[in-house]
Amino acid sequence: MKTLSLTNLDRITELDFNKNSNVGSVGGSLSITKFKNLEVLKAAYNDLNDISFSTDNNVTVRELDLSNNLLTAVSNLGSLTSLETLDLSN
């Protein structure tokens, strides 16, 4: 399984790679450590095992949809001080 690593992308405020089926799913680890202005992350219906956030850079995240994944770990979730909506179901 491959790892998706997205770093040093300060201008991005929203990432949306929700899937309707398992065709073309993103799997493995998702590392979002240098998105200083990220507000919304939608990554539902993938095969993600773990996701990590930065304790310094991800403070603008206000919406997370990580539902319907294979998550076993979400690192530094407590550092998301602007978080308003969180979906980790299924």
PDB file of N, CA and C in Angstrom:
ATOM      1  N   MET A   1       0.835  -1.172   0.000  1.00  0.00           N
ATOM      2  CA  MET A   1       0.000   0.000   0.000  1.00  0.00           C
ATOM      3  C   MET A   1       0.885   1.242   0.000  1.00  0.00           C
ATOM      4  N   LYS A   2       0.497   2.254  -0.728  1.00  0.00           N
ATOM      5  CA  LYS A   2       1.273   3.475  -0.848  1.00  0.00           C
ATOM      6  C   LYS A   2       0.909   4.473   0.229  1.00  0.00           C
ATOM      7  N   THR A   3       1.803   5.415   0.461  1.00  0.00           N
ATOM      8  CA  THR A   3       1.581   6.486   1.426  1.00  0.00           C
ATOM      9  C   THR A   3       1.397   7.788   0.672  1.00  0.00           C
ATOM     10  N   LEU A   4       0.392   8.555   1.065  1.00  0.00           N
ATOM     11  CA  LEU A   4       0.157   9.868   0.486  1.00  0.00           C
ATOM     12  C   LEU A   4       0.697  10.896   1.463  1.00  0.00           C
ATOM     13  N   SER A   5       1.643  11.704   1.041  1.00  0.00           N
ATOM     14  CA  SER A   5       2.239  12.726   1.892  1.00  0.00           C
ATOM     15  C   SER A   5       2.097  14.083   1.219  1.00  0.00           C
ATOM     16  N   LEU A   6       1.397  14.972   1.869  1.00  0.00           N
ATOM     17  CA  LEU A   6       1.167  16.312   1.343  1.00  0.00           C
ATOM     18  C   LEU A   6       1.801  17.312   2.297  1.00  0.00           C
ATOM     19  N   THR A   7       2.834  18.016   1.841  1.00  0.00           N
ATOM     20  CA  THR A   7       3.546  18.943   2.710  1.00  0.00           C
ATOM     21  C   THR A   7       3.895  20.227   1.968  1.00  0.00           C
ATOM     22  N   ASN A   8       4.133  21.290   2.716  1.00  0.00           N
ATOM     23  CA  ASN A   8       4.566  22.584   2.179  1.00  0.00           C
ATOM     24  C   ASN A   8       3.594  23.168   1.164  1.00  0.00           C
ATOM     25  N   LEU A   9       2.331  23.073   1.423  1.00  0.00           N
ATOM     26  CA  LEU A   9       1.309  23.568   0.512  1.00  0.00           C
ATOM     27  C   LEU A   9       0.457  24.613   1.234  1.00  0.00           C
ATOM     28  N   ASP A  10       1.046  25.760   1.507  1.00  0.00           N
ATOM     29  CA  ASP A  10       0.428  26.785   2.349  1.00  0.00           C
ATOM     30  C   ASP A  10      -0.812  27.439   1.757  1.00  0.00           C
ATOM     31  N   ARG A  11      -0.970  27.429   0.454  1.00  0.00           N
ATOM     32  CA  ARG A  11      -2.096  28.143  -0.163  1.00  0.00           C
ATOM     33  C   ARG A  11      -3.383  27.329  -0.201  1.00  0.00           C
ATOM     34  N   ILE A  12      -3.301  26.065   0.066  1.00  0.00           N
ATOM     35  CA  ILE A  12      -4.483  25.201  -0.003  1.00  0.00           C
ATOM     36  C   ILE A  12      -5.297  25.348   1.278  1.00  0.00           C
ATOM     37  N   THR A  13      -6.599  25.616   1.112  1.00  0.00           N
ATOM     38  CA  THR A  13      -7.497  25.733   2.262  1.00  0.00           C
ATOM     39  C   THR A  13      -8.472  24.571   2.343  1.00  0.00           C
ATOM     40  N   GLU A  14      -8.650  23.815   1.247  1.00  0.00           N
ATOM     41  CA  GLU A  14      -9.574  22.691   1.267  1.00  0.00           C
ATOM     42  C   GLU A  14      -9.036  21.541   0.429  1.00  0.00           C
ATOM     43  N   LEU A  15      -9.079  20.346   1.004  1.00  0.00           N
ATOM     44  CA  LEU A  15      -8.743  19.110   0.302  1.00  0.00           C
ATOM     45  C   LEU A  15      -9.962  18.213   0.337  1.00  0.00           C
ATOM     46  N   ASP A  16     -10.379  17.736  -0.827  1.00  0.00           N
ATOM     47  CA  ASP A  16     -11.551  16.870  -0.901  1.00  0.00           C
ATOM     48  C   ASP A  16     -11.232  15.695  -1.812  1.00  0.00           C
ATOM     49  N   PHE A  17     -11.035  14.537  -1.215  1.00  0.00           N
ATOM     50  CA  PHE A  17     -10.892  13.331  -2.012  1.00  0.00           C
ATOM     51  C   PHE A  17     -11.774  12.229  -1.447  1.00  0.00           C
ATOM     52  N   ASN A  18     -13.038  12.622  -1.157  1.00  0.00           N
ATOM     53  CA  ASN A  18     -14.066  11.651  -0.792  1.00  0.00           C
ATOM     54  C   ASN A  18     -14.301  10.714  -1.965  1.00  0.00           C
ATOM     55  N   LYS A  19     -14.604   9.484  -1.675  1.00  0.00           N
ATOM     56  CA  LYS A  19     -14.878   8.486  -2.703  1.00  0.00           C
ATOM     57  C   LYS A  19     -16.299   7.971  -2.532  1.00  0.00           C
ATOM     58  N   ASN A  20     -16.906   7.545  -3.630  1.00  0.00           N
ATOM     59  CA  ASN A  20     -18.223   6.921  -3.586  1.00  0.00           C
ATOM     60  C   ASN A  20     -18.114   5.402  -3.541  1.00  0.00           C
ATOM     61  N   SER A  21     -16.956   4.891  -3.916  1.00  0.00           N
ATOM     62  CA  SER A  21     -16.723   3.452  -3.905  1.00  0.00           C
ATOM     63  C   SER A  21     -15.245   3.209  -3.614  1.00  0.00           C
ATOM     64  N   ASN A  22     -14.843   1.951  -3.537  1.00  0.00           N
ATOM     65  CA  ASN A  22     -13.447   1.630  -3.259  1.00  0.00           C
ATOM     66  C   ASN A  22     -12.558   1.697  -4.498  1.00  0.00           C
ATOM     67  N   VAL A  23     -13.111   2.015  -5.643  1.00  0.00           N
ATOM     68  CA  VAL A  23     -12.329   2.132  -6.869  1.00  0.00           C
ATOM     69  C   VAL A  23     -11.455   3.376  -6.780  1.00  0.00           C
ATOM     70  N   GLY A  24     -10.143   3.184  -6.857  1.00  0.00           N
ATOM     71  CA  GLY A  24      -9.220   4.310  -6.794  1.00  0.00           C
ATOM     72  C   GLY A  24      -9.045   4.896  -5.413  1.00  0.00           C
ATOM     73  N   SER A  25      -9.298   4.124  -4.394  1.00  0.00           N
ATOM     74  CA  SER A  25      -9.183   4.609  -3.026  1.00  0.00           C
ATOM     75  C   SER A  25      -7.748   4.929  -2.655  1.00  0.00           C
ATOM     76  N   VAL A  26      -7.590   5.913  -1.786  1.00  0.00           N
ATOM     77  CA  VAL A  26      -6.289   6.246  -1.219  1.00  0.00           C
ATOM     78  C   VAL A  26      -6.118   5.403   0.038  1.00  0.00           C
ATOM     79  N   GLY A  27      -4.996   4.722   0.160  1.00  0.00           N
ATOM     80  CA  GLY A  27      -4.773   3.869   1.319  1.00  0.00           C
ATOM     81  C   GLY A  27      -3.462   4.173   1.999  1.00  0.00           C
ATOM     82  N   GLY A  28      -3.269   3.596   3.161  1.00  0.00           N
ATOM     83  CA  GLY A  28      -2.034   3.773   3.900  1.00  0.00           C
ATOM     84  C   GLY A  28      -2.098   4.950   4.844  1.00  0.00           C
ATOM     85  N   SER A  29      -1.034   5.738   4.858  1.00  0.00           N
ATOM     86  CA  SER A  29      -0.908   6.858   5.786  1.00  0.00           C
ATOM     87  C   SER A  29      -1.127   8.177   5.066  1.00  0.00           C
ATOM     88  N   LEU A  30      -1.741   9.114   5.773  1.00  0.00           N
ATOM     89  CA  LEU A  30      -1.913  10.464   5.252  1.00  0.00           C
ATOM     90  C   LEU A  30      -1.226  11.407   6.228  1.00  0.00           C
ATOM     91  N   SER A  31      -0.234  12.137   5.738  1.00  0.00           N
ATOM     92  CA  SER A  31       0.502  13.085   6.571  1.00  0.00           C
ATOM     93  C   SER A  31       0.228  14.500   6.083  1.00  0.00           C
ATOM     94  N   ILE A  32      -0.402  15.273   6.929  1.00  0.00           N
ATOM     95  CA  ILE A  32      -0.705  16.663   6.585  1.00  0.00           C
ATOM     96  C   ILE A  32      -0.043  17.513   7.662  1.00  0.00           C
ATOM     97  N   THR A  33       1.191  17.880   7.407  1.00  0.00           N
ATOM     98  CA  THR A  33       1.961  18.531   8.461  1.00  0.00           C
ATOM     99  C   THR A  33       2.356  19.968   8.170  1.00  0.00           C
ATOM    100  N   LYS A  34       2.188  20.417   6.952  1.00  0.00           N
ATOM    101  CA  LYS A  34       2.640  21.773   6.653  1.00  0.00           C
ATOM    102  C   LYS A  34       1.583  22.616   5.955  1.00  0.00           C
ATOM    103  N   PHE A  35       0.330  22.244   6.100  1.00  0.00           N
ATOM    104  CA  PHE A  35      -0.769  23.039   5.561  1.00  0.00           C
ATOM    105  C   PHE A  35      -1.126  24.114   6.575  1.00  0.00           C
ATOM    106  N   LYS A  36      -0.530  25.261   6.478  1.00  0.00           N
ATOM    107  CA  LYS A  36      -0.746  26.302   7.476  1.00  0.00           C
ATOM    108  C   LYS A  36      -2.131  26.919   7.404  1.00  0.00           C
ATOM    109  N   ASN A  37      -2.820  26.809   6.264  1.00  0.00           N
ATOM    110  CA  ASN A  37      -4.114  27.449   6.089  1.00  0.00           C
ATOM    111  C   ASN A  37      -5.242  26.477   5.761  1.00  0.00           C
ATOM    112  N   LEU A  38      -5.009  25.195   5.947  1.00  0.00           N
ATOM    113  CA  LEU A  38      -6.035  24.198   5.647  1.00  0.00           C
ATOM    114  C   LEU A  38      -7.212  24.362   6.595  1.00  0.00           C
ATOM    115  N   GLU A  39      -8.412  24.453   6.036  1.00  0.00           N
ATOM    116  CA  GLU A  39      -9.630  24.602   6.829  1.00  0.00           C
ATOM    117  C   GLU A  39     -10.519  23.366   6.758  1.00  0.00           C
ATOM    118  N   VAL A  40     -10.545  22.694   5.601  1.00  0.00           N
ATOM    119  CA  VAL A  40     -11.453  21.566   5.385  1.00  0.00           C
ATOM    120  C   VAL A  40     -10.681  20.395   4.782  1.00  0.00           C
ATOM    121  N   LEU A  41     -10.854  19.219   5.372  1.00  0.00           N
ATOM    122  CA  LEU A  41     -10.296  17.989   4.825  1.00  0.00           C
ATOM    123  C   LEU A  41     -11.406  16.956   4.746  1.00  0.00           C
ATOM    124  N   LYS A  42     -11.672  16.492   3.523  1.00  0.00           N
ATOM    125  CA  LYS A  42     -12.670  15.452   3.303  1.00  0.00           C
ATOM    126  C   LYS A  42     -11.975  14.281   2.631  1.00  0.00           C
ATOM    127  N   ALA A  43     -11.890  13.179   3.338  1.00  0.00           N
ATOM    128  CA  ALA A  43     -11.199  11.995   2.827  1.00  0.00           C
ATOM    129  C   ALA A  43     -11.988  10.732   3.145  1.00  0.00           C
ATOM    130  N   ALA A  44     -13.300  10.808   3.042  1.00  0.00           N
ATOM    131  CA  ALA A  44     -14.166   9.678   3.365  1.00  0.00           C
ATOM    132  C   ALA A  44     -14.107   8.598   2.287  1.00  0.00           C
ATOM    133  N   TYR A  45     -14.450   7.383   2.685  1.00  0.00           N
ATOM    134  CA  TYR A  45     -14.548   6.241   1.787  1.00  0.00           C
ATOM    135  C   TYR A  45     -13.236   5.930   1.079  1.00  0.00           C
ATOM    136  N   ASN A  46     -12.161   5.946   1.835  1.00  0.00           N
ATOM    137  CA  ASN A  46     -10.866   5.533   1.339  1.00  0.00           C
ATOM    138  C   ASN A  46     -10.376   4.368   2.185  1.00  0.00           C
ATOM    139  N   ASP A  47      -9.118   4.030   2.068  1.00  0.00           N
ATOM    140  CA  ASP A  47      -8.530   2.942   2.852  1.00  0.00           C
ATOM    141  C   ASP A  47      -7.395   3.464   3.727  1.00  0.00           C
ATOM    142  N   LEU A  48      -7.572   4.640   4.294  1.00  0.00           N
ATOM    143  CA  LEU A  48      -6.531   5.231   5.138  1.00  0.00           C
ATOM    144  C   LEU A  48      -6.416   4.474   6.454  1.00  0.00           C
ATOM    145  N   ASN A  49      -5.173   4.179   6.856  1.00  0.00           N
ATOM    146  CA  ASN A  49      -4.912   3.507   8.130  1.00  0.00           C
ATOM    147  C   ASN A  49      -4.635   4.505   9.237  1.00  0.00           C
ATOM    148  N   ASP A  50      -3.892   5.544   8.907  1.00  0.00           N
ATOM    149  CA  ASP A  50      -3.577   6.551   9.916  1.00  0.00           C
ATOM    150  C   ASP A  50      -3.389   7.911   9.263  1.00  0.00           C
ATOM    151  N   ILE A  51      -3.580   8.929  10.069  1.00  0.00           N
ATOM    152  CA  ILE A  51      -3.431  10.305   9.613  1.00  0.00           C
ATOM    153  C   ILE A  51      -2.742  11.089  10.718  1.00  0.00           C
ATOM    154  N   SER A  52      -1.860  11.985  10.316  1.00  0.00           N
ATOM    155  CA  SER A  52      -1.167  12.794  11.325  1.00  0.00           C
ATOM    156  C   SER A  52      -1.278  14.272  10.974  1.00  0.00           C
ATOM    157  N   PHE A  53      -1.476  15.051  12.013  1.00  0.00           N
ATOM    158  CA  PHE A  53      -1.553  16.504  11.900  1.00  0.00           C
ATOM    159  C   PHE A  53      -0.380  17.113  12.648  1.00  0.00           C
ATOM    160  N   SER A  54      -0.039  18.325  12.298  1.00  0.00           N
ATOM    161  CA  SER A  54       1.039  19.050  12.961  1.00  0.00           C
ATOM    162  C   SER A  54       0.501  19.748  14.202  1.00  0.00           C
ATOM    163  N   THR A  55       1.288  19.785  15.234  1.00  0.00           N
ATOM    164  CA  THR A  55       0.875  20.519  16.437  1.00  0.00           C
ATOM    165  C   THR A  55       1.022  22.016  16.248  1.00  0.00           C
ATOM    166  N   ASP A  56       1.747  22.450  15.236  1.00  0.00           N
ATOM    167  CA  ASP A  56       1.973  23.871  14.994  1.00  0.00           C
ATOM    168  C   ASP A  56       1.192  24.432  13.811  1.00  0.00           C
ATOM    169  N   ASN A  57       1.058  23.670  12.736  1.00  0.00           N
ATOM    170  CA  ASN A  57       0.580  24.230  11.477  1.00  0.00           C
ATOM    171  C   ASN A  57      -0.880  24.008  11.145  1.00  0.00           C
ATOM    172  N   ASN A  58      -1.550  23.087  11.774  1.00  0.00           N
ATOM    173  CA  ASN A  58      -2.907  22.757  11.368  1.00  0.00           C
ATOM    174  C   ASN A  58      -3.982  23.381  12.253  1.00  0.00           C
ATOM    175  N   VAL A  59      -3.698  24.496  12.864  1.00  0.00           N
ATOM    176  CA  VAL A  59      -4.644  25.106  13.804  1.00  0.00           C
ATOM    177  C   VAL A  59      -5.864  25.718  13.112  1.00  0.00           C
ATOM    178  N   THR A  60      -5.852  25.880  11.796  1.00  0.00           N
ATOM    179  CA  THR A  60      -6.986  26.467  11.079  1.00  0.00           C
ATOM    180  C   THR A  60      -8.021  25.434  10.646  1.00  0.00           C
ATOM    181  N   VAL A  61      -7.735  24.148  10.817  1.00  0.00           N
ATOM    182  CA  VAL A  61      -8.663  23.097  10.400  1.00  0.00           C
ATOM    183  C   VAL A  61      -9.939  23.203  11.229  1.00  0.00           C
ATOM    184  N   ARG A  62     -11.080  23.329  10.509  1.00  0.00           N
ATOM    185  CA  ARG A  62     -12.364  23.443  11.199  1.00  0.00           C
ATOM    186  C   ARG A  62     -13.326  22.314  10.842  1.00  0.00           C
ATOM    187  N   GLU A  63     -13.050  21.593   9.747  1.00  0.00           N
ATOM    188  CA  GLU A  63     -13.931  20.503   9.336  1.00  0.00           C
ATOM    189  C   GLU A  63     -13.120  19.299   8.871  1.00  0.00           C
ATOM    190  N   LEU A  64     -13.407  18.123   9.446  1.00  0.00           N
ATOM    191  CA  LEU A  64     -12.742  16.866   9.072  1.00  0.00           C
ATOM    192  C   LEU A  64     -13.783  15.797   8.805  1.00  0.00           C
ATOM    193  N   ASP A  65     -13.720  15.188   7.641  1.00  0.00           N
ATOM    194  CA  ASP A  65     -14.553  14.025   7.343  1.00  0.00           C
ATOM    195  C   ASP A  65     -13.615  12.895   6.952  1.00  0.00           C
ATOM    196  N   LEU A  66     -13.384  12.007   7.887  1.00  0.00           N
ATOM    197  CA  LEU A  66     -12.511  10.854   7.670  1.00  0.00           C
ATOM    198  C   LEU A  66     -13.303   9.559   7.823  1.00  0.00           C
ATOM    199  N   SER A  67     -14.600   9.646   7.615  1.00  0.00           N
ATOM    200  CA  SER A  67     -15.477   8.489   7.807  1.00  0.00           C
ATOM    201  C   SER A  67     -15.198   7.398   6.779  1.00  0.00           C
ATOM    202  N   ASN A  68     -15.589   6.184   7.140  1.00  0.00           N
ATOM    203  CA  ASN A  68     -15.487   5.033   6.242  1.00  0.00           C
ATOM    204  C   ASN A  68     -14.076   4.792   5.727  1.00  0.00           C
ATOM    205  N   ASN A  69     -13.130   4.792   6.637  1.00  0.00           N
ATOM    206  CA  ASN A  69     -11.745   4.446   6.364  1.00  0.00           C
ATOM    207  C   ASN A  69     -11.358   3.256   7.231  1.00  0.00           C
ATOM    208  N   LEU A  70     -10.107   2.908   7.242  1.00  0.00           N
ATOM    209  CA  LEU A  70      -9.590   1.815   8.068  1.00  0.00           C
ATOM    210  C   LEU A  70      -8.705   2.367   9.178  1.00  0.00           C
ATOM    211  N   LEU A  71      -9.049   3.529   9.692  1.00  0.00           N
ATOM    212  CA  LEU A  71      -8.191   4.249  10.631  1.00  0.00           C
ATOM    213  C   LEU A  71      -7.937   3.474  11.921  1.00  0.00           C
ATOM    214  N   THR A  72      -6.672   3.408  12.284  1.00  0.00           N
ATOM    215  CA  THR A  72      -6.281   2.861  13.576  1.00  0.00           C
ATOM    216  C   THR A  72      -5.608   3.926  14.429  1.00  0.00           C
ATOM    217  N   ALA A  73      -5.211   5.064  13.801  1.00  0.00           N
ATOM    218  CA  ALA A  73      -4.554   6.136  14.543  1.00  0.00           C
ATOM    219  C   ALA A  73      -4.812   7.485  13.878  1.00  0.00           C
ATOM    220  N   VAL A  74      -5.078   8.476  14.715  1.00  0.00           N
ATOM    221  CA  VAL A  74      -5.166   9.866  14.283  1.00  0.00           C
ATOM    222  C   VAL A  74      -4.263  10.643  15.228  1.00  0.00           C
ATOM    223  N   SER A  75      -3.119  11.103  14.735  1.00  0.00           N
ATOM    224  CA  SER A  75      -2.112  11.749  15.583  1.00  0.00           C
ATOM    225  C   SER A  75      -2.341  13.245  15.684  1.00  0.00           C
ATOM    226  N   ASN A  76      -2.224  13.760  16.893  1.00  0.00           N
ATOM    227  CA  ASN A  76      -2.299  15.195  17.199  1.00  0.00           C
ATOM    228  C   ASN A  76      -3.665  15.807  16.905  1.00  0.00           C
ATOM    229  N   LEU A  77      -4.722  15.027  17.019  1.00  0.00           N
ATOM    230  CA  LEU A  77      -6.071  15.547  16.807  1.00  0.00           C
ATOM    231  C   LEU A  77      -6.380  16.683  17.773  1.00  0.00           C
ATOM    232  N   GLY A  78      -5.855  16.622  18.976  1.00  0.00           N
ATOM    233  CA  GLY A  78      -6.077  17.658  19.985  1.00  0.00           C
ATOM    234  C   GLY A  78      -5.472  19.003  19.638  1.00  0.00           C
ATOM    235  N   SER A  79      -4.565  19.035  18.679  1.00  0.00           N
ATOM    236  CA  SER A  79      -3.942  20.297  18.291  1.00  0.00           C
ATOM    237  C   SER A  79      -4.820  21.107  17.336  1.00  0.00           C
ATOM    238  N   LEU A  80      -5.914  20.516  16.870  1.00  0.00           N
ATOM    239  CA  LEU A  80      -6.811  21.199  15.939  1.00  0.00           C
ATOM    240  C   LEU A  80      -7.780  22.074  16.741  1.00  0.00           C
ATOM    241  N   THR A  81      -7.311  23.198  17.182  1.00  0.00           N
ATOM    242  CA  THR A  81      -8.062  24.046  18.106  1.00  0.00           C
ATOM    243  C   THR A  81      -9.243  24.761  17.470  1.00  0.00           C
ATOM    244  N   SER A  82      -9.329  24.822  16.146  1.00  0.00           N
ATOM    245  CA  SER A  82     -10.456  25.458  15.459  1.00  0.00           C
ATOM    246  C   SER A  82     -11.486  24.455  14.972  1.00  0.00           C
ATOM    247  N   LEU A  83     -11.299  23.187  15.308  1.00  0.00           N
ATOM    248  CA  LEU A  83     -12.157  22.115  14.803  1.00  0.00           C
ATOM    249  C   LEU A  83     -13.600  22.293  15.274  1.00  0.00           C
ATOM    250  N   GLU A  84     -14.530  22.317  14.311  1.00  0.00           N
ATOM    251  CA  GLU A  84     -15.962  22.445  14.586  1.00  0.00           C
ATOM    252  C   GLU A  84     -16.732  21.181  14.232  1.00  0.00           C
ATOM    253  N   THR A  85     -16.310  20.482  13.166  1.00  0.00           N
ATOM    254  CA  THR A  85     -17.016  19.301  12.674  1.00  0.00           C
ATOM    255  C   THR A  85     -16.015  18.170  12.478  1.00  0.00           C
ATOM    256  N   LEU A  86     -16.346  17.004  13.058  1.00  0.00           N
ATOM    257  CA  LEU A  86     -15.471  15.837  12.968  1.00  0.00           C
ATOM    258  C   LEU A  86     -16.321  14.605  12.708  1.00  0.00           C
ATOM    259  N   ASP A  87     -15.994  13.859  11.656  1.00  0.00           N
ATOM    260  CA  ASP A  87     -16.687  12.605  11.364  1.00  0.00           C
ATOM    261  C   ASP A  87     -15.641  11.517  11.206  1.00  0.00           C
ATOM    262  N   LEU A  88     -15.604  10.609  12.185  1.00  0.00           N
ATOM    263  CA  LEU A  88     -14.720   9.443  12.152  1.00  0.00           C
ATOM    264  C   LEU A  88     -15.524   8.156  12.121  1.00  0.00           C
ATOM    265  N   SER A  89     -16.785   8.233  11.738  1.00  0.00           N
ATOM    266  CA  SER A  89     -17.659   7.065  11.776  1.00  0.00           C
ATOM    267  C   SER A  89     -17.214   5.966  10.812  1.00  0.00           C
ATOM    268  N   ASN A  90     -17.587   4.765  11.163  1.00  0.00           N
ATOM    269  CA  ASN A  90     -17.295   3.567  10.373  1.00  0.00           C
ATOM    270  C   ASN A  90     -15.825   3.400  10.101  1.00  0.00           C
TER     271      ASN A  90
END
